[in-house]
């Protein structure tokens, strides 16, 4: 995965399209697409070049073992916020986050701690946002 650091708004930006096969944990096949994210019915997530994300949230450091996990997790949460995936998919996003952290060499105790935090305290980050619509004169 090739990415660069951003100076404003987000921490990172993809410099090439990234694809990853998700574990689906019994959830029905879903297909959704935005300009930067595509989720296929087979559970493959495709995140396009130029997508920006924040890395891992909270009082933590971004490390090599958390970059792919945070990218996939942020993209899945975005699809949930946009109501393209049901809120029940949050659990799938969280479990995939944990597994990708382990695949990328994160210590198991650290991956488990991060998983517990996102599973128990990150509902607000996946909930659809209500935007206030403004009208200019």
Protein backbone atom coordinates (compact mmCIF):
# COMPACT_ATOMS: atom_id res chain seq x y z
CA UNK A 1 0.00 0.00 0.00
CA UNK A 2 1.47 3.34 -1.03
CA UNK A 3 0.27 6.49 0.73
CA UNK A 4 1.48 9.97 1.58
CA UNK A 5 1.06 12.26 4.56
CA UNK A 6 -1.36 15.17 4.18
CA UNK A 7 -0.95 18.61 5.67
CA UNK A 8 -4.61 19.57 6.19
CA UNK A 9 -7.88 17.91 7.20
CA UNK A 10 -6.72 14.28 6.90
CA UNK A 11 -3.47 12.60 7.87
CA UNK A 12 -3.00 10.32 4.86
CA UNK A 13 -3.89 9.95 1.18
CA UNK A 14 -3.66 6.83 -0.99
CA UNK A 15 -1.21 7.17 -3.85
CA UNK A 16 -2.48 4.03 -5.59
CA UNK A 17 -5.73 2.08 -5.57
CA UNK A 18 -5.88 -0.46 -2.73
CA UNK A 19 -7.89 -3.71 -2.75
CA UNK A 20 -8.56 -6.08 0.12
CA UNK A 21 -10.70 -9.19 0.59
CA UNK A 22 -12.82 -8.74 3.72
CA UNK A 23 -13.96 -11.49 6.03
CA UNK A 24 -17.75 -11.31 6.03
CA UNK A 25 -18.69 -13.16 9.24
CA UNK A 26 -22.08 -14.34 7.99
CA UNK A 27 -23.36 -10.95 6.80
CA UNK A 28 -25.28 -10.96 3.53
CA UNK A 29 -23.55 -9.86 0.36
CA UNK A 30 -23.65 -6.11 -0.18
CA UNK A 31 -22.66 -3.96 -3.11
CA UNK A 32 -22.09 -0.25 -2.79
CA UNK A 33 -20.02 2.32 -4.56
CA UNK A 34 -18.89 5.90 -4.02
CA UNK A 35 -16.36 7.89 -6.06
CA UNK A 36 -13.55 6.52 -3.83
CA UNK A 37 -14.86 3.26 -2.30
CA UNK A 38 -16.39 0.16 -3.83
CA UNK A 39 -17.56 -2.91 -1.93
CA UNK A 40 -18.28 -5.90 -4.15
CA UNK A 41 -20.85 -8.61 -3.46
CA UNK A 42 -17.95 -11.00 -2.92
CA UNK A 43 -16.66 -8.91 0.01
CA UNK A 44 -13.79 -7.22 -1.80
CA UNK A 45 -13.23 -3.58 -0.87
CA UNK A 46 -11.58 -1.34 -3.44
CA UNK A 47 -10.36 2.04 -2.20
CA UNK A 48 -9.30 4.35 -4.99
CA UNK A 49 -6.19 6.47 -5.38
CA UNK A 50 -6.71 9.87 -3.74
CA UNK A 51 -8.84 8.59 -0.83
CA UNK A 52 -7.91 10.42 2.38
CA UNK A 53 -8.27 9.07 5.91
CA UNK A 54 -7.21 9.86 9.47
CA UNK A 55 -5.26 6.77 10.47
CA UNK A 56 -6.03 5.31 13.87
CA UNK A 57 -8.11 7.56 16.12
CA UNK A 58 -7.62 8.35 19.77
CA UNK A 59 -4.53 8.88 21.86
CA UNK A 60 -2.33 6.51 19.87
CA UNK A 61 0.46 6.41 17.33
CA UNK A 62 0.02 5.32 13.75
CA UNK A 63 2.39 2.46 13.00
CA UNK A 64 3.02 0.25 9.98
CA UNK A 65 0.88 -2.44 11.60
CA UNK A 66 -2.15 -0.14 11.83
CA UNK A 67 -2.15 1.65 8.47
CA UNK A 68 -4.03 -0.86 6.28
CA UNK A 69 -6.42 -1.66 9.13
CA UNK A 70 -7.25 2.00 9.74
CA UNK A 71 -7.74 2.60 6.00
CA UNK A 72 -10.21 -0.27 5.56
CA UNK A 73 -11.96 0.54 8.85
CA UNK A 74 -12.39 4.23 7.97
CA UNK A 75 -13.71 3.36 4.50
CA UNK A 76 -16.26 0.87 5.90
CA UNK A 77 -17.41 3.35 8.56
CA UNK A 78 -17.83 5.95 5.82
CA UNK A 79 -20.10 3.57 3.88
CA UNK A 80 -22.15 3.05 7.06
CA UNK A 81 -22.40 6.82 7.71
CA UNK A 82 -23.59 7.31 4.13
CA UNK A 83 -26.25 4.63 4.76
CA UNK A 84 -24.88 2.50 1.94
CA UNK A 85 -24.30 -0.29 4.46
CA UNK A 86 -26.52 -1.13 7.43
CA UNK A 87 -25.27 -0.16 10.90
CA UNK A 88 -24.96 -3.89 11.66
CA UNK A 89 -21.91 -3.87 9.35
CA UNK A 90 -20.00 -1.94 12.04
CA UNK A 91 -19.23 -5.23 13.78
CA UNK A 92 -17.80 -6.58 10.51
CA UNK A 93 -15.66 -3.45 10.12
CA UNK A 94 -14.38 -3.80 13.69
CA UNK A 95 -13.53 -7.52 13.31
CA UNK A 96 -11.75 -6.88 10.02
CA UNK A 97 -9.80 -4.07 11.71
CA UNK A 98 -8.58 -6.53 14.36
CA UNK A 99 -7.64 -9.21 11.83
CA UNK A 100 -5.77 -6.81 9.54
CA UNK A 101 -3.81 -5.46 12.52
CA UNK A 102 -2.73 -9.02 13.34
CA UNK A 103 -1.91 -9.81 9.68
CA UNK A 104 0.32 -6.73 9.57
CA UNK A 105 2.30 -7.74 12.65
CA UNK A 106 0.63 -5.82 15.48
CA UNK A 107 1.12 -7.35 18.91
CA UNK A 108 -1.96 -9.38 19.78
CA UNK A 109 -2.57 -7.56 23.08
CA UNK A 110 -2.48 -4.19 21.29
CA UNK A 111 -4.79 -5.38 18.49
CA UNK A 112 -7.21 -6.79 21.08
CA UNK A 113 -7.19 -3.52 23.03
CA UNK A 114 -7.88 -1.46 19.89
CA UNK A 115 -10.62 -3.89 18.86
CA UNK A 116 -12.33 -3.55 22.25
CA UNK A 117 -12.17 0.24 22.02
CA UNK A 118 -13.71 0.46 18.53
CA UNK A 119 -16.26 -2.27 19.25
CA UNK A 120 -17.45 -0.66 22.49
CA UNK A 121 -16.90 3.07 22.06
CA UNK A 122 -16.92 3.99 18.36
CA UNK A 123 -20.64 3.81 17.52
CA UNK A 124 -20.68 7.61 17.12
CA UNK A 125 -18.06 7.38 14.36
CA UNK A 126 -20.22 5.04 12.26
CA UNK A 127 -23.60 6.66 12.88
CA UNK A 128 -25.06 8.59 9.96
CA UNK A 129 -24.58 12.31 10.47
CA UNK A 130 -27.44 14.75 10.27
CA UNK A 131 -26.22 17.73 8.34
CA UNK A 132 -27.83 21.09 8.82
CA UNK A 133 -28.88 22.39 5.41
CA UNK A 134 -28.16 26.09 4.94
CA UNK A 135 -29.56 28.43 2.30
CA UNK A 136 -27.76 31.54 1.14
CA UNK A 137 -29.82 34.63 0.30
